[in-house]
Amino acid sequence: MSRSRPGRDDSPDRLYTLTGGRSRTGSDVFDLVTLVVAESDPVPGMQSEHAAILRMCRFPTAVVEVAAGLGLPVSITRILLADLHDTGRISARHPRASYRLPDHDILEQVLVGLRNL
C-alpha cells in the first residue's frame, strides 16, 4: 500500500482553482525557511486556505510548515502566501543567525591551547 504525498493526489483542477491559474508568484520573497507572521485575522468570505494560513501563522511559521499544515505543494503555498503578502495580511522575513563567528585570532588561540593540552 503506497502512502500518498500532500498535493500529489489532489485534483489538478482544485490546485488550478486555488491559485487562479497562476503557476508562479512573481517574486522570490518565499523560500522554504522564510518565516511568515499573520498581521491580521481571517475575515468572512476569505478563501479557506488563506484563512487557514492566517490562523497557522499567529506566531512565526516557516513556509515549509505552512505547506505541510495545508497539505499542499510548496509551489501552491507560495502563491497563496504571495496573495496575502501583497494585501498586507502577512509579513515575511528570513531567519537571522543570532550568532557571529568568533574572531580568527581567538580561534587560533583556542587551537594553540588545545595543542598544548
N, C-alpha and C. Protein backbone atom coordinates (compact mmCIF):
# COMPACT_ATOMS: atom_id res chain seq x y z
N MET A 1 0.85 -1.16 0.00
CA MET A 1 0.00 0.00 0.00
C MET A 1 0.90 1.23 0.00
N SER A 2 0.72 2.10 -0.96
CA SER A 2 1.55 3.30 -1.03
C SER A 2 0.88 4.45 -0.30
N ARG A 3 1.71 5.25 0.34
CA ARG A 3 1.21 6.41 1.05
C ARG A 3 1.19 7.60 0.11
N SER A 4 0.12 8.33 0.10
CA SER A 4 0.04 9.48 -0.80
C SER A 4 0.81 10.66 -0.19
N ARG A 5 1.35 11.48 -1.06
CA ARG A 5 2.06 12.67 -0.63
C ARG A 5 1.13 13.87 -0.76
N PRO A 6 1.26 14.84 0.16
CA PRO A 6 0.38 16.00 0.10
C PRO A 6 0.45 16.68 -1.26
N GLY A 7 -0.70 16.99 -1.79
CA GLY A 7 -0.77 17.70 -3.05
C GLY A 7 -0.64 16.84 -4.28
N ARG A 8 -0.09 15.65 -4.14
CA ARG A 8 0.14 14.79 -5.30
C ARG A 8 -1.14 14.16 -5.80
N ASP A 9 -2.05 13.88 -4.90
CA ASP A 9 -3.29 13.21 -5.29
C ASP A 9 -4.44 14.20 -5.44
N ASP A 10 -4.16 15.48 -5.19
CA ASP A 10 -5.20 16.49 -5.37
C ASP A 10 -5.51 16.62 -6.84
N SER A 11 -6.73 16.92 -7.12
CA SER A 11 -7.14 17.15 -8.48
C SER A 11 -6.41 18.36 -9.03
N PRO A 12 -5.84 18.26 -10.23
CA PRO A 12 -5.19 19.44 -10.82
C PRO A 12 -6.16 20.60 -10.96
N ASP A 13 -7.44 20.29 -11.14
CA ASP A 13 -8.44 21.35 -11.23
C ASP A 13 -8.54 22.12 -9.92
N ARG A 14 -8.45 21.41 -8.81
CA ARG A 14 -8.53 22.07 -7.50
C ARG A 14 -7.35 23.00 -7.31
N LEU A 15 -6.15 22.52 -7.62
CA LEU A 15 -4.96 23.34 -7.46
C LEU A 15 -5.00 24.56 -8.38
N TYR A 16 -5.51 24.36 -9.58
CA TYR A 16 -5.65 25.46 -10.54
C TYR A 16 -6.61 26.51 -9.99
N THR A 17 -7.68 26.05 -9.39
CA THR A 17 -8.68 26.95 -8.83
C THR A 17 -8.12 27.71 -7.63
N LEU A 18 -7.36 27.02 -6.78
CA LEU A 18 -6.78 27.67 -5.59
C LEU A 18 -5.90 28.86 -5.96
N THR A 19 -5.16 28.73 -7.05
CA THR A 19 -4.20 29.76 -7.43
C THR A 19 -4.72 30.69 -8.51
N GLY A 20 -5.94 30.49 -8.95
CA GLY A 20 -6.47 31.32 -10.02
C GLY A 20 -5.74 31.09 -11.33
N GLY A 21 -5.18 29.91 -11.50
CA GLY A 21 -4.48 29.56 -12.73
C GLY A 21 -3.03 29.97 -12.76
N ARG A 22 -2.55 30.62 -11.70
CA ARG A 22 -1.15 31.05 -11.67
C ARG A 22 -0.24 29.90 -11.29
N SER A 23 0.96 29.91 -11.86
CA SER A 23 1.92 28.86 -11.52
C SER A 23 3.18 29.44 -10.88
N ARG A 24 3.27 30.75 -10.82
CA ARG A 24 4.42 31.42 -10.20
C ARG A 24 3.94 32.62 -9.39
N THR A 25 4.78 33.02 -8.41
CA THR A 25 4.40 34.13 -7.55
C THR A 25 4.79 35.49 -8.12
N GLY A 26 5.78 35.53 -8.97
CA GLY A 26 6.25 36.80 -9.49
C GLY A 26 7.32 37.44 -8.61
N SER A 27 7.63 36.82 -7.47
CA SER A 27 8.70 37.33 -6.61
C SER A 27 9.37 36.16 -5.92
N ASP A 28 10.54 36.44 -5.37
CA ASP A 28 11.30 35.41 -4.67
C ASP A 28 11.29 35.64 -3.16
N VAL A 29 10.21 36.19 -2.65
CA VAL A 29 10.12 36.51 -1.23
C VAL A 29 10.13 35.25 -0.37
N PHE A 30 9.50 34.18 -0.87
CA PHE A 30 9.30 32.99 -0.04
C PHE A 30 10.17 31.83 -0.47
N ASP A 31 11.12 31.46 0.39
CA ASP A 31 11.81 30.19 0.19
C ASP A 31 11.34 29.26 1.32
N LEU A 32 11.90 28.09 1.42
CA LEU A 32 11.39 27.09 2.36
C LEU A 32 11.47 27.53 3.82
N VAL A 33 12.49 28.33 4.17
CA VAL A 33 12.68 28.69 5.57
C VAL A 33 12.22 30.10 5.91
N THR A 34 11.64 30.80 4.96
CA THR A 34 11.10 32.13 5.25
C THR A 34 10.05 32.01 6.34
N LEU A 35 10.16 32.89 7.33
CA LEU A 35 9.19 32.89 8.42
C LEU A 35 8.04 33.83 8.07
N VAL A 36 6.84 33.33 8.26
CA VAL A 36 5.62 34.07 7.92
C VAL A 36 4.87 34.37 9.21
N VAL A 37 4.41 35.62 9.35
CA VAL A 37 3.65 36.02 10.53
C VAL A 37 2.38 36.73 10.06
N ALA A 38 1.25 36.32 10.61
CA ALA A 38 -0.03 36.95 10.28
C ALA A 38 -0.07 38.35 10.86
N GLU A 39 -0.55 39.29 10.06
CA GLU A 39 -0.71 40.68 10.50
C GLU A 39 -2.17 41.03 10.75
N SER A 40 -3.07 40.07 10.45
CA SER A 40 -4.50 40.30 10.68
C SER A 40 -5.18 38.95 10.90
N ASP A 41 -6.42 39.02 11.32
CA ASP A 41 -7.22 37.81 11.49
C ASP A 41 -7.98 37.52 10.21
N PRO A 42 -8.41 36.28 10.04
CA PRO A 42 -9.25 35.96 8.87
C PRO A 42 -10.54 36.76 8.89
N VAL A 43 -11.06 37.05 7.71
CA VAL A 43 -12.33 37.78 7.61
C VAL A 43 -13.34 36.91 6.89
N PRO A 44 -14.63 37.12 7.16
CA PRO A 44 -15.66 36.34 6.48
C PRO A 44 -15.56 36.50 4.96
N GLY A 45 -15.77 35.40 4.26
CA GLY A 45 -15.73 35.41 2.81
C GLY A 45 -14.36 35.18 2.22
N MET A 46 -13.35 35.09 3.07
CA MET A 46 -11.98 34.86 2.61
C MET A 46 -11.82 33.41 2.16
N GLN A 47 -10.98 33.19 1.16
CA GLN A 47 -10.69 31.83 0.70
C GLN A 47 -10.24 31.00 1.91
N SER A 48 -10.74 29.78 2.02
CA SER A 48 -10.48 28.98 3.22
C SER A 48 -9.00 28.72 3.46
N GLU A 49 -8.23 28.55 2.40
CA GLU A 49 -6.79 28.32 2.56
C GLU A 49 -6.10 29.58 3.09
N HIS A 50 -6.52 30.74 2.63
CA HIS A 50 -5.96 32.00 3.15
C HIS A 50 -6.28 32.14 4.63
N ALA A 51 -7.50 31.83 5.02
CA ALA A 51 -7.90 31.90 6.42
C ALA A 51 -7.08 30.91 7.26
N ALA A 52 -6.86 29.72 6.73
CA ALA A 52 -6.07 28.71 7.45
C ALA A 52 -4.63 29.20 7.65
N ILE A 53 -4.07 29.84 6.64
CA ILE A 53 -2.71 30.36 6.76
C ILE A 53 -2.65 31.42 7.86
N LEU A 54 -3.61 32.32 7.88
CA LEU A 54 -3.60 33.36 8.92
C LEU A 54 -3.73 32.77 10.32
N ARG A 55 -4.52 31.73 10.46
CA ARG A 55 -4.63 31.07 11.77
C ARG A 55 -3.33 30.36 12.15
N MET A 56 -2.69 29.71 11.16
CA MET A 56 -1.44 28.99 11.41
C MET A 56 -0.29 29.90 11.78
N CYS A 57 -0.31 31.10 11.22
CA CYS A 57 0.85 31.99 11.32
C CYS A 57 0.69 33.07 12.37
N ARG A 58 -0.05 32.79 13.41
CA ARG A 58 -0.15 33.76 14.51
C ARG A 58 1.22 33.98 15.14
N PHE A 59 2.05 32.95 15.09
CA PHE A 59 3.44 33.01 15.53
C PHE A 59 4.29 32.70 14.30
N PRO A 60 5.55 33.13 14.27
CA PRO A 60 6.38 32.88 13.08
C PRO A 60 6.38 31.40 12.69
N THR A 61 6.07 31.15 11.44
CA THR A 61 5.97 29.80 10.92
C THR A 61 6.68 29.73 9.57
N ALA A 62 7.51 28.71 9.38
CA ALA A 62 8.25 28.55 8.12
C ALA A 62 7.31 28.15 6.99
N VAL A 63 7.65 28.57 5.79
CA VAL A 63 6.85 28.27 4.60
C VAL A 63 6.62 26.77 4.47
N VAL A 64 7.65 25.99 4.71
CA VAL A 64 7.52 24.53 4.58
C VAL A 64 6.53 23.97 5.59
N GLU A 65 6.46 24.58 6.78
CA GLU A 65 5.48 24.15 7.78
C GLU A 65 4.06 24.52 7.37
N VAL A 66 3.91 25.68 6.76
CA VAL A 66 2.60 26.10 6.28
C VAL A 66 2.12 25.13 5.21
N ALA A 67 3.01 24.79 4.28
CA ALA A 67 2.65 23.85 3.21
C ALA A 67 2.23 22.50 3.79
N ALA A 68 2.98 22.03 4.77
CA ALA A 68 2.64 20.74 5.40
C ALA A 68 1.30 20.84 6.12
N GLY A 69 1.07 21.93 6.80
CA GLY A 69 -0.20 22.11 7.51
C GLY A 69 -1.40 22.16 6.58
N LEU A 70 -1.20 22.75 5.41
CA LEU A 70 -2.28 22.83 4.43
C LEU A 70 -2.42 21.54 3.62
N GLY A 71 -1.36 20.73 3.61
CA GLY A 71 -1.37 19.52 2.79
C GLY A 71 -1.27 19.85 1.31
N LEU A 72 -0.56 20.94 0.99
CA LEU A 72 -0.42 21.39 -0.39
C LEU A 72 1.05 21.44 -0.78
N PRO A 73 1.34 21.36 -2.08
CA PRO A 73 2.73 21.51 -2.52
C PRO A 73 3.25 22.91 -2.15
N VAL A 74 4.54 23.01 -1.94
CA VAL A 74 5.15 24.28 -1.58
C VAL A 74 4.91 25.33 -2.66
N SER A 75 4.94 24.93 -3.92
CA SER A 75 4.74 25.90 -5.00
C SER A 75 3.36 26.56 -4.92
N ILE A 76 2.35 25.78 -4.60
CA ILE A 76 0.99 26.32 -4.46
C ILE A 76 0.91 27.20 -3.21
N THR A 77 1.53 26.76 -2.14
CA THR A 77 1.53 27.51 -0.89
C THR A 77 2.20 28.86 -1.08
N ARG A 78 3.29 28.91 -1.84
CA ARG A 78 3.98 30.18 -2.10
C ARG A 78 3.05 31.17 -2.80
N ILE A 79 2.24 30.69 -3.72
CA ILE A 79 1.31 31.57 -4.44
C ILE A 79 0.26 32.12 -3.47
N LEU A 80 -0.26 31.26 -2.61
CA LEU A 80 -1.24 31.71 -1.62
C LEU A 80 -0.62 32.71 -0.65
N LEU A 81 0.62 32.46 -0.25
CA LEU A 81 1.31 33.39 0.64
C LEU A 81 1.56 34.73 -0.04
N ALA A 82 1.90 34.70 -1.32
CA ALA A 82 2.13 35.94 -2.06
C ALA A 82 0.86 36.78 -2.11
N ASP A 83 -0.29 36.12 -2.27
CA ASP A 83 -1.58 36.83 -2.26
C ASP A 83 -1.75 37.59 -0.95
N LEU A 84 -1.50 36.90 0.15
CA LEU A 84 -1.66 37.51 1.48
C LEU A 84 -0.62 38.59 1.73
N HIS A 85 0.59 38.37 1.25
CA HIS A 85 1.66 39.34 1.42
C HIS A 85 1.35 40.62 0.64
N ASP A 86 0.84 40.48 -0.57
CA ASP A 86 0.51 41.63 -1.41
C ASP A 86 -0.58 42.51 -0.79
N THR A 87 -1.46 41.89 0.01
CA THR A 87 -2.53 42.66 0.64
C THR A 87 -2.17 43.11 2.06
N GLY A 88 -0.95 42.80 2.50
CA GLY A 88 -0.50 43.23 3.82
C GLY A 88 -1.03 42.39 4.97
N ARG A 89 -1.61 41.24 4.68
CA ARG A 89 -2.17 40.39 5.74
C ARG A 89 -1.11 39.54 6.43
N ILE A 90 0.05 39.37 5.79
CA ILE A 90 1.16 38.65 6.42
C ILE A 90 2.44 39.44 6.18
N SER A 91 3.41 39.18 7.03
CA SER A 91 4.76 39.70 6.79
C SER A 91 5.68 38.50 6.68
N ALA A 92 6.79 38.68 5.98
CA ALA A 92 7.73 37.58 5.77
C ALA A 92 9.14 38.06 6.07
N ARG A 93 9.91 37.20 6.70
CA ARG A 93 11.31 37.53 6.96
C ARG A 93 12.13 36.23 6.99
N HIS A 94 13.36 36.37 6.62
CA HIS A 94 14.26 35.23 6.68
C HIS A 94 14.84 35.14 8.08
N PRO A 95 14.98 33.91 8.58
CA PRO A 95 15.55 33.78 9.93
C PRO A 95 17.00 34.26 9.91
N ARG A 96 17.33 35.02 10.90
CA ARG A 96 18.70 35.52 11.00
C ARG A 96 19.47 34.68 12.00
N ALA A 97 20.71 34.47 11.69
CA ALA A 97 21.57 33.78 12.65
C ALA A 97 21.84 34.75 13.79
N SER A 98 21.59 34.31 15.01
CA SER A 98 21.77 35.19 16.16
C SER A 98 23.19 35.08 16.71
N TYR A 99 24.07 34.50 15.97
CA TYR A 99 25.43 34.34 16.42
C TYR A 99 26.38 34.91 15.37
N ARG A 100 27.56 35.25 15.83
CA ARG A 100 28.61 35.68 14.93
C ARG A 100 29.78 34.73 15.12
N LEU A 101 30.45 34.44 14.07
CA LEU A 101 31.63 33.58 14.19
C LEU A 101 32.70 34.32 14.99
N PRO A 102 33.40 33.58 15.84
CA PRO A 102 34.46 34.22 16.63
C PRO A 102 35.55 34.77 15.71
N ASP A 103 36.26 35.73 16.23
CA ASP A 103 37.37 36.33 15.51
C ASP A 103 38.42 35.25 15.19
N HIS A 104 39.07 35.41 14.07
CA HIS A 104 40.07 34.42 13.62
C HIS A 104 41.18 34.28 14.66
N ASP A 105 41.60 35.38 15.27
CA ASP A 105 42.68 35.32 16.27
C ASP A 105 42.27 34.50 17.49
N ILE A 106 41.03 34.62 17.91
CA ILE A 106 40.55 33.85 19.05
C ILE A 106 40.55 32.36 18.72
N LEU A 107 40.10 32.02 17.52
CA LEU A 107 40.11 30.61 17.11
C LEU A 107 41.54 30.07 17.08
N GLU A 108 42.45 30.88 16.61
CA GLU A 108 43.87 30.48 16.58
C GLU A 108 44.38 30.22 17.99
N GLN A 109 44.03 31.08 18.94
CA GLN A 109 44.48 30.91 20.32
C GLN A 109 43.87 29.65 20.94
N VAL A 110 42.62 29.37 20.64
CA VAL A 110 41.99 28.15 21.13
C VAL A 110 42.68 26.92 20.58
N LEU A 111 43.01 26.95 19.30
CA LEU A 111 43.71 25.83 18.67
C LEU A 111 45.07 25.60 19.32
N VAL A 112 45.81 26.66 19.55
CA VAL A 112 47.12 26.57 20.21
C VAL A 112 46.94 25.99 21.61
N GLY A 113 45.93 26.49 22.35
CA GLY A 113 45.69 25.98 23.69
C GLY A 113 45.34 24.50 23.70
N LEU A 114 44.55 24.06 22.73
CA LEU A 114 44.21 22.64 22.66
C LEU A 114 45.43 21.78 22.35
N ARG A 115 46.27 22.28 21.51
CA ARG A 115 47.51 21.53 21.17
C ARG A 115 48.43 21.40 22.40
N ASN A 116 48.39 22.40 23.25
CA ASN A 116 49.26 22.39 24.44
C ASN A 116 48.74 21.47 25.54
N LEU A 117 47.52 20.99 25.42
CA LEU A 117 46.97 20.10 26.46
C LEU A 117 47.64 18.78 26.46
